[in-house]
């Protein structure tokens, strides 16, 4: 969502990852393009030219922005990676997917509708779940101070996953990042401290 009111909100975590990629690749995503309805930047990395896009439509219309860039640059759906928040994942948890439904995410749904396919790679970042009646207020809120370390780590890992996707493809990114996270969750489940015992 555009504007300072929504800066660093849960719904805008994808922006934070794009900013991290721009920092790593010495790029700027500050040029507004009216035709794309978004901020766009370019980088040279992994031996290729990469476009970074931050749609400035509201979230549920972001497919317009993605599709405009896709058409102009003659990209295929396989050239697109979407990074977005996910209410179904715990705060900071990542899930990399090659395709599938939008899972109730209105922004992703609009992207799939405009690209006319569900074969669009995505990195989902958990922002935690709340009661459905509180969803709108929750996704537009900012992260709590005690959530910031997990979010900062998630942003860095999501940027790593995006780079892996560029270098080696979506299957490699899924294998590396989903399996790593599953292993970490398994260790936490085996740790007695995860049951609430103090160390």
Foldseek 3Di string as FASTA:
>chain_A
DDDPLQPQFLFCLQVVLLVVLCVVQVKDQADQDPQLQWGWIWGQPLNDIDIRTDHRDPQLQNLSNVLSVCVVVVHALQNAEAEGEDAVDAALAKAKDQFDAPNPRNNLNNNCVSNVGRRHIYIYGYPYHDPPVCVVVRRSHHDDPVSVVSSVVSSVLVNVLVNCCVNPNRVRSRVPRVVVRVVVVVVLVVDVVVVVDDD
